[in-house]
All heavy atoms as atom14 arrays in JSON, in Angstrom:
{
  "sequence": "NASMMALARLPIGHLRDDPDIAPYFIAAYQEVIDVGRASGIAIPA",
  "atom14_mask": [
    [1, 1, 1, 1, 1, 1, 1, 1, 0, 0, 0, 0, 0, 0],
    [1, 1, 1, 1, 1, 0, 0, 0, 0, 0, 0, 0, 0, 0],
    [1, 1, 1, 1, 1, 1, 0, 0, 0, 0, 0, 0, 0, 0],
    [1, 1, 1, 1, 1, 1, 1, 1, 0, 0, 0, 0, 0, 0],
    [1, 1, 1, 1, 1, 1, 1, 1, 0, 0, 0, 0, 0, 0],
    [1, 1, 1, 1, 1, 0, 0, 0, 0, 0, 0, 0, 0, 0],
    [1, 1, 1, 1, 1, 1, 1, 1, 0, 0, 0, 0, 0, 0],
    [1, 1, 1, 1, 1, 0, 0, 0, 0, 0, 0, 0, 0, 0],
    [1, 1, 1, 1, 1, 1, 1, 1, 1, 1, 1, 0, 0, 0],
    [1, 1, 1, 1, 1, 1, 1, 1, 0, 0, 0, 0, 0, 0],
    [1, 1, 1, 1, 1, 1, 1, 0, 0, 0, 0, 0, 0, 0],
    [1, 1, 1, 1, 1, 1, 1, 1, 0, 0, 0, 0, 0, 0],
    [1, 1, 1, 1, 0, 0, 0, 0, 0, 0, 0, 0, 0, 0],
    [1, 1, 1, 1, 1, 1, 1, 1, 1, 1, 0, 0, 0, 0],
    [1, 1, 1, 1, 1, 1, 1, 1, 0, 0, 0, 0, 0, 0],
    [1, 1, 1, 1, 1, 1, 1, 1, 1, 1, 1, 0, 0, 0],
    [1, 1, 1, 1, 1, 1, 1, 1, 0, 0, 0, 0, 0, 0],
    [1, 1, 1, 1, 1, 1, 1, 1, 0, 0, 0, 0, 0, 0],
    [1, 1, 1, 1, 1, 1, 1, 0, 0, 0, 0, 0, 0, 0],
    [1, 1, 1, 1, 1, 1, 1, 1, 0, 0, 0, 0, 0, 0],
    [1, 1, 1, 1, 1, 1, 1, 1, 0, 0, 0, 0, 0, 0],
    [1, 1, 1, 1, 1, 0, 0, 0, 0, 0, 0, 0, 0, 0],
    [1, 1, 1, 1, 1, 1, 1, 0, 0, 0, 0, 0, 0, 0],
    [1, 1, 1, 1, 1, 1, 1, 1, 1, 1, 1, 1, 0, 0],
    [1, 1, 1, 1, 1, 1, 1, 1, 1, 1, 1, 0, 0, 0],
    [1, 1, 1, 1, 1, 1, 1, 1, 0, 0, 0, 0, 0, 0],
    [1, 1, 1, 1, 1, 0, 0, 0, 0, 0, 0, 0, 0, 0],
    [1, 1, 1, 1, 1, 0, 0, 0, 0, 0, 0, 0, 0, 0],
    [1, 1, 1, 1, 1, 1, 1, 1, 1, 1, 1, 1, 0, 0],
    [1, 1, 1, 1, 1, 1, 1, 1, 1, 0, 0, 0, 0, 0],
    [1, 1, 1, 1, 1, 1, 1, 1, 1, 0, 0, 0, 0, 0],
    [1, 1, 1, 1, 1, 1, 1, 0, 0, 0, 0, 0, 0, 0],
    [1, 1, 1, 1, 1, 1, 1, 1, 0, 0, 0, 0, 0, 0],
    [1, 1, 1, 1, 1, 1, 1, 1, 0, 0, 0, 0, 0, 0],
    [1, 1, 1, 1, 1, 1, 1, 0, 0, 0, 0, 0, 0, 0],
    [1, 1, 1, 1, 0, 0, 0, 0, 0, 0, 0, 0, 0, 0],
    [1, 1, 1, 1, 1, 1, 1, 1, 1, 1, 1, 0, 0, 0],
    [1, 1, 1, 1, 1, 0, 0, 0, 0, 0, 0, 0, 0, 0],
    [1, 1, 1, 1, 1, 1, 0, 0, 0, 0, 0, 0, 0, 0],
    [1, 1, 1, 1, 0, 0, 0, 0, 0, 0, 0, 0, 0, 0],
    [1, 1, 1, 1, 1, 1, 1, 1, 0, 0, 0, 0, 0, 0],
    [1, 1, 1, 1, 1, 0, 0, 0, 0, 0, 0, 0, 0, 0],
    [1, 1, 1, 1, 1, 1, 1, 1, 0, 0, 0, 0, 0, 0],
    [1, 1, 1, 1, 1, 1, 1, 0, 0, 0, 0, 0, 0, 0],
    [1, 1, 1, 1, 1, 0, 0, 0, 0, 0, 0, 0, 0, 0]
  ],
  "atom14_positions": [
    [[-7.62, 160.11, 109.87], [-8.41, 158.93, 109.56], [-8.37, 158.7, 107.92], [-8.26, 157.51, 107.48], [-9.92, 159.09, 109.91], [-10.12, 158.81, 111.36], [-9.2, 158.76, 112.24], [-11.37, 158.56, 111.73], [0.0, 0.0, 0.0], [0.0, 0.0, 0.0], [0.0, 0.0, 0.0], [0.0, 0.0, 0.0], [0.0, 0.0, 0.0], [0.0, 0.0, 0.0]],
    [[-8.42, 159.73, 107.22], [-8.41, 159.69, 105.72], [-7.15, 158.93, 105.26], [-7.23, 158.05, 104.42], [-8.54, 161.03, 105.1], [0.0, 0.0, 0.0], [0.0, 0.0, 0.0], [0.0, 0.0, 0.0], [0.0, 0.0, 0.0], [0.0, 0.0, 0.0], [0.0, 0.0, 0.0], [0.0, 0.0, 0.0], [0.0, 0.0, 0.0], [0.0, 0.0, 0.0]],
    [[-5.95, 159.38, 105.8], [-4.69, 158.68, 105.41], [-4.56, 157.31, 105.97], [-4.19, 156.48, 105.2], [-3.53, 159.64, 105.89], [-3.52, 160.8, 105.19], [0.0, 0.0, 0.0], [0.0, 0.0, 0.0], [0.0, 0.0, 0.0], [0.0, 0.0, 0.0], [0.0, 0.0, 0.0], [0.0, 0.0, 0.0], [0.0, 0.0, 0.0], [0.0, 0.0, 0.0]],
    [[-5.08, 157.08, 107.09], [-4.91, 155.8, 107.68], [-5.86, 154.76, 106.89], [-5.38, 153.63, 106.52], [-5.45, 155.71, 109.2], [-4.48, 156.53, 110.13], [-3.01, 155.58, 110.54], [-3.65, 154.44, 111.71], [0.0, 0.0, 0.0], [0.0, 0.0, 0.0], [0.0, 0.0, 0.0], [0.0, 0.0, 0.0], [0.0, 0.0, 0.0], [0.0, 0.0, 0.0]],
    [[-7.07, 155.15, 106.62], [-7.93, 154.19, 105.9], [-7.41, 154.1, 104.41], [-7.63, 152.96, 103.88], [-9.36, 154.75, 105.9], [-10.08, 154.56, 107.33], [-11.82, 154.97, 107.22], [-11.8, 156.44, 108.36], [0.0, 0.0, 0.0], [0.0, 0.0, 0.0], [0.0, 0.0, 0.0], [0.0, 0.0, 0.0], [0.0, 0.0, 0.0], [0.0, 0.0, 0.0]],
    [[-6.99, 155.16, 103.76], [-6.62, 155.03, 102.42], [-5.29, 154.12, 102.35], [-5.23, 153.37, 101.42], [-6.13, 156.43, 101.94], [0.0, 0.0, 0.0], [0.0, 0.0, 0.0], [0.0, 0.0, 0.0], [0.0, 0.0, 0.0], [0.0, 0.0, 0.0], [0.0, 0.0, 0.0], [0.0, 0.0, 0.0], [0.0, 0.0, 0.0], [0.0, 0.0, 0.0]],
    [[-4.4, 154.27, 103.27], [-3.2, 153.41, 103.26], [-3.53, 151.99, 103.48], [-3.04, 151.07, 102.81], [-2.16, 153.93, 104.37], [-0.84, 153.14, 104.35], [-0.16, 153.35, 102.99], [0.08, 153.7, 105.51], [0.0, 0.0, 0.0], [0.0, 0.0, 0.0], [0.0, 0.0, 0.0], [0.0, 0.0, 0.0], [0.0, 0.0, 0.0], [0.0, 0.0, 0.0]],
    [[-4.47, 151.73, 104.4], [-4.95, 150.35, 104.68], [-5.88, 149.81, 103.68], [-6.22, 148.59, 103.54], [-5.57, 150.26, 106.05], [0.0, 0.0, 0.0], [0.0, 0.0, 0.0], [0.0, 0.0, 0.0], [0.0, 0.0, 0.0], [0.0, 0.0, 0.0], [0.0, 0.0, 0.0], [0.0, 0.0, 0.0], [0.0, 0.0, 0.0], [0.0, 0.0, 0.0]],
    [[-6.57, 150.69, 102.87], [-7.63, 150.27, 101.83], [-8.81, 149.61, 102.68], [-9.41, 148.73, 102.14], [-7.11, 149.36, 100.82], [-6.41, 150.02, 99.63], [-5.02, 150.6, 99.9], [-4.28, 150.88, 98.75], [-3.16, 151.53, 98.79], [-2.57, 151.9, 99.96], [-2.52, 151.77, 97.71], [0.0, 0.0, 0.0], [0.0, 0.0, 0.0], [0.0, 0.0, 0.0]],
    [[-9.07, 150.12, 103.87], [-10.07, 149.44, 104.69], [-10.86, 150.54, 105.35], [-10.34, 151.54, 105.73], [-9.46, 148.53, 105.67], [-8.83, 147.2, 105.2], [-8.05, 146.6, 106.27], [-9.85, 146.32, 104.58], [0.0, 0.0, 0.0], [0.0, 0.0, 0.0], [0.0, 0.0, 0.0], [0.0, 0.0, 0.0], [0.0, 0.0, 0.0], [0.0, 0.0, 0.0]],
    [[-12.19, 150.18, 105.67], [-13.01, 151.14, 106.45], [-12.67, 151.13, 107.95], [-11.83, 150.24, 108.39], [-14.39, 150.62, 106.19], [-14.27, 149.16, 105.89], [-12.96, 148.98, 105.14], [0.0, 0.0, 0.0], [0.0, 0.0, 0.0], [0.0, 0.0, 0.0], [0.0, 0.0, 0.0], [0.0, 0.0, 0.0], [0.0, 0.0, 0.0], [0.0, 0.0, 0.0]],
    [[-13.25, 152.1, 108.7], [-12.84, 152.28, 110.06], [-12.94, 150.98, 110.96], [-12.17, 150.78, 111.89], [-13.61, 153.47, 110.65], [-13.02, 153.85, 111.99], [-15.08, 153.08, 110.76], [-11.57, 154.36, 112.0], [0.0, 0.0, 0.0], [0.0, 0.0, 0.0], [0.0, 0.0, 0.0], [0.0, 0.0, 0.0], [0.0, 0.0, 0.0], [0.0, 0.0, 0.0]],
    [[-13.98, 150.27, 110.67], [-14.26, 148.98, 111.55], [-13.13, 148.02, 111.56], [-12.96, 147.29, 112.56], [0.0, 0.0, 0.0], [0.0, 0.0, 0.0], [0.0, 0.0, 0.0], [0.0, 0.0, 0.0], [0.0, 0.0, 0.0], [0.0, 0.0, 0.0], [0.0, 0.0, 0.0], [0.0, 0.0, 0.0], [0.0, 0.0, 0.0], [0.0, 0.0, 0.0]],
    [[-12.38, 147.95, 110.54], [-11.2, 147.04, 110.44], [-9.96, 147.61, 111.21], [-8.97, 146.81, 111.3], [-10.87, 146.72, 108.96], [-11.91, 145.86, 108.27], [-11.77, 144.5, 108.28], [-12.98, 146.16, 107.66], [-12.8, 144.0, 107.55], [-13.5, 145.05, 107.26], [0.0, 0.0, 0.0], [0.0, 0.0, 0.0], [0.0, 0.0, 0.0], [0.0, 0.0, 0.0]],
    [[-10.03, 148.86, 111.57], [-8.82, 149.49, 112.12], [-8.92, 149.97, 113.44], [-7.94, 149.86, 114.25], [-8.49, 150.69, 111.13], [-8.34, 150.42, 109.73], [-8.08, 151.79, 108.93], [-7.23, 149.44, 109.43], [0.0, 0.0, 0.0], [0.0, 0.0, 0.0], [0.0, 0.0, 0.0], [0.0, 0.0, 0.0], [0.0, 0.0, 0.0], [0.0, 0.0, 0.0]],
    [[-10.05, 150.48, 113.93], [-10.18, 151.14, 115.21], [-9.94, 150.32, 116.4], [-9.52, 150.84, 117.45], [-11.58, 151.82, 115.38], [-12.76, 150.88, 115.33], [-14.04, 151.58, 115.22], [-15.17, 150.66, 115.13], [-16.38, 151.1, 114.72], [-16.65, 152.3, 114.52], [-17.31, 150.2, 114.63], [0.0, 0.0, 0.0], [0.0, 0.0, 0.0], [0.0, 0.0, 0.0]],
    [[-10.17, 149.04, 116.33], [-10.01, 148.19, 117.56], [-8.78, 147.35, 117.57], [-8.53, 146.46, 118.45], [-11.3, 147.29, 117.68], [-12.5, 148.05, 117.89], [-12.5, 149.15, 118.61], [-13.53, 147.73, 117.41], [0.0, 0.0, 0.0], [0.0, 0.0, 0.0], [0.0, 0.0, 0.0], [0.0, 0.0, 0.0], [0.0, 0.0, 0.0], [0.0, 0.0, 0.0]],
    [[-7.95, 147.5, 116.51], [-6.79, 146.65, 116.4], [-5.69, 147.34, 117.29], [-5.29, 148.43, 117.09], [-6.3, 146.7, 114.91], [-5.05, 145.75, 114.69], [-4.11, 145.66, 115.53], [-5.16, 145.02, 113.67], [0.0, 0.0, 0.0], [0.0, 0.0, 0.0], [0.0, 0.0, 0.0], [0.0, 0.0, 0.0], [0.0, 0.0, 0.0], [0.0, 0.0, 0.0]],
    [[-5.19, 146.53, 118.3], [-4.23, 147.08, 119.23], [-2.88, 147.45, 118.65], [-2.1, 148.37, 119.2], [-4.09, 145.97, 120.23], [-4.49, 144.64, 119.44], [-5.55, 145.12, 118.57], [0.0, 0.0, 0.0], [0.0, 0.0, 0.0], [0.0, 0.0, 0.0], [0.0, 0.0, 0.0], [0.0, 0.0, 0.0], [0.0, 0.0, 0.0], [0.0, 0.0, 0.0]],
    [[-2.55, 146.87, 117.47], [-1.38, 147.22, 116.77], [-1.52, 148.55, 116.0], [-0.49, 149.29, 115.72], [-0.92, 146.12, 115.87], [-0.56, 144.89, 116.57], [0.14, 144.97, 117.68], [-0.86, 143.76, 116.15], [0.0, 0.0, 0.0], [0.0, 0.0, 0.0], [0.0, 0.0, 0.0], [0.0, 0.0, 0.0], [0.0, 0.0, 0.0], [0.0, 0.0, 0.0]],
    [[-2.68, 148.85, 115.68], [-3.0, 150.12, 114.85], [-3.35, 151.22, 115.69], [-2.96, 152.51, 115.38], [-4.03, 149.88, 113.81], [-3.62, 148.69, 112.79], [-4.51, 151.08, 112.97], [-4.72, 148.3, 111.89], [0.0, 0.0, 0.0], [0.0, 0.0, 0.0], [0.0, 0.0, 0.0], [0.0, 0.0, 0.0], [0.0, 0.0, 0.0], [0.0, 0.0, 0.0]],
    [[-4.09, 151.06, 116.8], [-4.58, 152.16, 117.66], [-3.51, 153.23, 118.03], [-3.85, 154.41, 118.0], [-5.22, 151.62, 118.9], [0.0, 0.0, 0.0], [0.0, 0.0, 0.0], [0.0, 0.0, 0.0], [0.0, 0.0, 0.0], [0.0, 0.0, 0.0], [0.0, 0.0, 0.0], [0.0, 0.0, 0.0], [0.0, 0.0, 0.0], [0.0, 0.0, 0.0]],
    [[-2.26, 152.86, 118.37], [-1.3, 153.9, 118.75], [-1.01, 154.87, 117.59], [-0.68, 156.09, 117.83], [-0.04, 153.1, 119.18], [-0.56, 151.78, 119.41], [-1.69, 151.52, 118.67], [0.0, 0.0, 0.0], [0.0, 0.0, 0.0], [0.0, 0.0, 0.0], [0.0, 0.0, 0.0], [0.0, 0.0, 0.0], [0.0, 0.0, 0.0], [0.0, 0.0, 0.0]],
    [[-1.16, 154.39, 116.34], [-0.8, 155.3, 115.22], [-1.95, 156.22, 115.03], [-1.69, 157.46, 114.55], [-0.61, 154.51, 114.03], [0.66, 153.68, 114.15], [0.6, 152.26, 114.45], [1.93, 154.2, 113.99], [1.71, 151.55, 114.58], [3.09, 153.37, 114.04], [3.01, 152.11, 114.48], [4.11, 151.34, 114.63], [0.0, 0.0, 0.0], [0.0, 0.0, 0.0]],
    [[-3.22, 155.93, 115.25], [-4.25, 156.86, 115.28], [-3.96, 158.02, 116.25], [-4.12, 159.18, 115.99], [-5.66, 156.2, 115.72], [-6.38, 155.64, 114.51], [-6.37, 154.19, 114.3], [-6.93, 156.42, 113.46], [-7.1, 153.56, 113.29], [-7.55, 155.73, 112.4], [-7.66, 154.33, 112.28], [0.0, 0.0, 0.0], [0.0, 0.0, 0.0], [0.0, 0.0, 0.0]],
    [[-3.7, 157.62, 117.48], [-3.44, 158.54, 118.59], [-2.32, 159.54, 118.26], [-2.38, 160.66, 118.42], [-3.23, 157.86, 119.95], [-4.51, 157.07, 120.32], [-2.81, 158.88, 121.0], [-4.33, 156.17, 121.49], [0.0, 0.0, 0.0], [0.0, 0.0, 0.0], [0.0, 0.0, 0.0], [0.0, 0.0, 0.0], [0.0, 0.0, 0.0], [0.0, 0.0, 0.0]],
    [[-1.14, 158.92, 117.76], [0.02, 159.71, 117.36], [-0.38, 160.75, 116.21], [0.06, 161.89, 116.29], [1.1, 158.81, 116.9], [0.0, 0.0, 0.0], [0.0, 0.0, 0.0], [0.0, 0.0, 0.0], [0.0, 0.0, 0.0], [0.0, 0.0, 0.0], [0.0, 0.0, 0.0], [0.0, 0.0, 0.0], [0.0, 0.0, 0.0], [0.0, 0.0, 0.0]],
    [[-1.17, 160.28, 115.21], [-1.53, 161.12, 114.22], [-2.39, 162.26, 114.7], [-2.2, 163.44, 114.26], [-2.25, 160.36, 113.12], [0.0, 0.0, 0.0], [0.0, 0.0, 0.0], [0.0, 0.0, 0.0], [0.0, 0.0, 0.0], [0.0, 0.0, 0.0], [0.0, 0.0, 0.0], [0.0, 0.0, 0.0], [0.0, 0.0, 0.0], [0.0, 0.0, 0.0]],
    [[-3.32, 161.94, 115.54], [-4.24, 162.99, 116.14], [-3.39, 163.97, 116.91], [-3.67, 165.22, 116.76], [-5.25, 162.43, 117.08], [-6.26, 161.4, 116.45], [-6.82, 160.42, 117.22], [-6.6, 161.51, 115.12], [-7.74, 159.55, 116.62], [-7.48, 160.57, 114.54], [-8.1, 159.63, 115.3], [-8.87, 158.77, 114.76], [0.0, 0.0, 0.0], [0.0, 0.0, 0.0]],
    [[-2.43, 163.56, 117.7], [-1.71, 164.44, 118.6], [-0.84, 165.34, 117.78], [-0.64, 166.57, 118.06], [-0.83, 163.61, 119.53], [-0.21, 164.48, 120.58], [-1.23, 165.15, 121.48], [-2.04, 164.6, 122.08], [-1.08, 166.52, 121.54], [0.0, 0.0, 0.0], [0.0, 0.0, 0.0], [0.0, 0.0, 0.0], [0.0, 0.0, 0.0], [0.0, 0.0, 0.0]],
    [[-0.33, 164.85, 116.58], [0.49, 165.76, 115.7], [-0.37, 166.94, 115.17], [0.12, 167.97, 115.11], [1.07, 164.9, 114.59], [2.19, 164.02, 115.0], [2.71, 163.1, 113.93], [2.34, 163.26, 112.77], [3.44, 162.11, 114.23], [0.0, 0.0, 0.0], [0.0, 0.0, 0.0], [0.0, 0.0, 0.0], [0.0, 0.0, 0.0], [0.0, 0.0, 0.0]],
    [[-1.66, 166.6, 114.78], [-2.35, 167.66, 114.28], [-2.78, 168.65, 115.4], [-2.76, 169.84, 115.21], [-3.77, 167.12, 113.67], [-4.56, 168.21, 113.03], [-3.45, 165.99, 112.64], [0.0, 0.0, 0.0], [0.0, 0.0, 0.0], [0.0, 0.0, 0.0], [0.0, 0.0, 0.0], [0.0, 0.0, 0.0], [0.0, 0.0, 0.0], [0.0, 0.0, 0.0]],
    [[-3.02, 168.16, 116.5], [-3.35, 169.04, 117.74], [-2.2, 169.93, 117.99], [-2.24, 171.16, 118.2], [-3.62, 168.21, 118.91], [-5.04, 167.47, 118.75], [-3.74, 169.01, 120.2], [-5.34, 166.35, 119.78], [0.0, 0.0, 0.0], [0.0, 0.0, 0.0], [0.0, 0.0, 0.0], [0.0, 0.0, 0.0], [0.0, 0.0, 0.0], [0.0, 0.0, 0.0]],
    [[-0.97, 169.45, 117.97], [0.21, 170.19, 118.29], [0.41, 171.22, 117.29], [0.71, 172.37, 117.56], [1.43, 169.22, 118.37], [1.47, 168.31, 119.57], [0.64, 168.59, 120.47], [2.19, 167.32, 119.53], [0.0, 0.0, 0.0], [0.0, 0.0, 0.0], [0.0, 0.0, 0.0], [0.0, 0.0, 0.0], [0.0, 0.0, 0.0], [0.0, 0.0, 0.0]],
    [[0.19, 170.93, 116.01], [0.37, 171.86, 114.89], [-0.69, 172.95, 114.96], [-0.41, 174.16, 114.77], [0.18, 171.16, 113.49], [0.04, 172.14, 112.37], [1.52, 170.38, 113.25], [0.0, 0.0, 0.0], [0.0, 0.0, 0.0], [0.0, 0.0, 0.0], [0.0, 0.0, 0.0], [0.0, 0.0, 0.0], [0.0, 0.0, 0.0], [0.0, 0.0, 0.0]],
    [[-1.88, 172.62, 115.26], [-3.02, 173.55, 115.47], [-2.7, 174.56, 116.61], [-2.9, 175.67, 116.42], [0.0, 0.0, 0.0], [0.0, 0.0, 0.0], [0.0, 0.0, 0.0], [0.0, 0.0, 0.0], [0.0, 0.0, 0.0], [0.0, 0.0, 0.0], [0.0, 0.0, 0.0], [0.0, 0.0, 0.0], [0.0, 0.0, 0.0], [0.0, 0.0, 0.0]],
    [[-2.3, 174.03, 117.76], [-2.07, 174.96, 118.79], [-0.84, 175.88, 118.49], [-0.89, 177.04, 118.79], [-1.7, 174.14, 120.07], [-2.97, 173.5, 120.64], [-2.7, 172.61, 121.88], [-3.9, 172.04, 122.47], [-4.06, 170.96, 123.04], [-3.0, 170.17, 123.33], [-5.18, 170.54, 123.54], [0.0, 0.0, 0.0], [0.0, 0.0, 0.0], [0.0, 0.0, 0.0]],
    [[0.19, 175.35, 117.82], [1.26, 176.22, 117.32], [0.84, 177.29, 116.33], [1.44, 178.27, 116.16], [2.39, 175.41, 116.73], [0.0, 0.0, 0.0], [0.0, 0.0, 0.0], [0.0, 0.0, 0.0], [0.0, 0.0, 0.0], [0.0, 0.0, 0.0], [0.0, 0.0, 0.0], [0.0, 0.0, 0.0], [0.0, 0.0, 0.0], [0.0, 0.0, 0.0]],
    [[-0.32, 177.0, 115.7], [-0.85, 177.94, 114.75], [-1.78, 178.99, 115.37], [-2.35, 179.8, 114.65], [-1.62, 177.19, 113.6], [-0.85, 176.27, 112.92], [0.0, 0.0, 0.0], [0.0, 0.0, 0.0], [0.0, 0.0, 0.0], [0.0, 0.0, 0.0], [0.0, 0.0, 0.0], [0.0, 0.0, 0.0], [0.0, 0.0, 0.0], [0.0, 0.0, 0.0]],
    [[-1.98, 178.83, 116.66], [-2.77, 179.86, 117.41], [-4.19, 179.42, 117.53], [-5.05, 180.26, 117.96], [0.0, 0.0, 0.0], [0.0, 0.0, 0.0], [0.0, 0.0, 0.0], [0.0, 0.0, 0.0], [0.0, 0.0, 0.0], [0.0, 0.0, 0.0], [0.0, 0.0, 0.0], [0.0, 0.0, 0.0], [0.0, 0.0, 0.0], [0.0, 0.0, 0.0]],
    [[-4.5, 178.11, 117.28], [-5.99, 177.67, 117.31], [-6.17, 177.12, 118.79], [-5.42, 176.46, 119.37], [-6.25, 176.58, 116.35], [-5.83, 177.05, 114.88], [-7.68, 176.23, 116.31], [-6.7, 178.3, 114.39], [0.0, 0.0, 0.0], [0.0, 0.0, 0.0], [0.0, 0.0, 0.0], [0.0, 0.0, 0.0], [0.0, 0.0, 0.0], [0.0, 0.0, 0.0]],
    [[-7.35, 177.56, 119.34], [-7.74, 177.03, 120.6], [-8.37, 175.7, 120.51], [-9.46, 175.54, 120.02], [-8.82, 177.93, 121.24], [0.0, 0.0, 0.0], [0.0, 0.0, 0.0], [0.0, 0.0, 0.0], [0.0, 0.0, 0.0], [0.0, 0.0, 0.0], [0.0, 0.0, 0.0], [0.0, 0.0, 0.0], [0.0, 0.0, 0.0], [0.0, 0.0, 0.0]],
    [[-7.59, 174.68, 120.87], [-8.11, 173.28, 120.76], [-8.36, 172.7, 122.16], [-7.45, 172.81, 123.11], [-7.02, 172.39, 119.99], [-6.97, 172.96, 118.51], [-7.4, 170.95, 119.97], [-5.91, 172.22, 117.71], [0.0, 0.0, 0.0], [0.0, 0.0, 0.0], [0.0, 0.0, 0.0], [0.0, 0.0, 0.0], [0.0, 0.0, 0.0], [0.0, 0.0, 0.0]],
    [[-9.44, 172.04, 122.37], [-9.81, 171.62, 123.7], [-8.78, 170.62, 124.23], [-8.09, 169.87, 123.46], [-11.11, 170.98, 123.52], [-11.71, 171.56, 122.4], [-10.57, 171.94, 121.45], [0.0, 0.0, 0.0], [0.0, 0.0, 0.0], [0.0, 0.0, 0.0], [0.0, 0.0, 0.0], [0.0, 0.0, 0.0], [0.0, 0.0, 0.0], [0.0, 0.0, 0.0]],
    [[-8.58, 170.53, 125.62], [-7.62, 169.66, 126.19], [-8.04, 168.16, 125.97], [-7.15, 167.32, 125.98], [-7.5, 169.88, 127.72], [0.0, 0.0, 0.0], [0.0, 0.0, 0.0], [0.0, 0.0, 0.0], [0.0, 0.0, 0.0], [0.0, 0.0, 0.0], [0.0, 0.0, 0.0], [0.0, 0.0, 0.0], [0.0, 0.0, 0.0], [0.0, 0.0, 0.0]]
  ]
}
């Protein structure tokens, strides 16, 4: 979220419901999850 909002220069309300932006939030979240699990962290499904 920090990087997405900083790059857009906009708060969450301008970004979270935009169908063109939403997939990038999900992709960014999944990358962190994958890295965390690879680091040995128990992250919920």
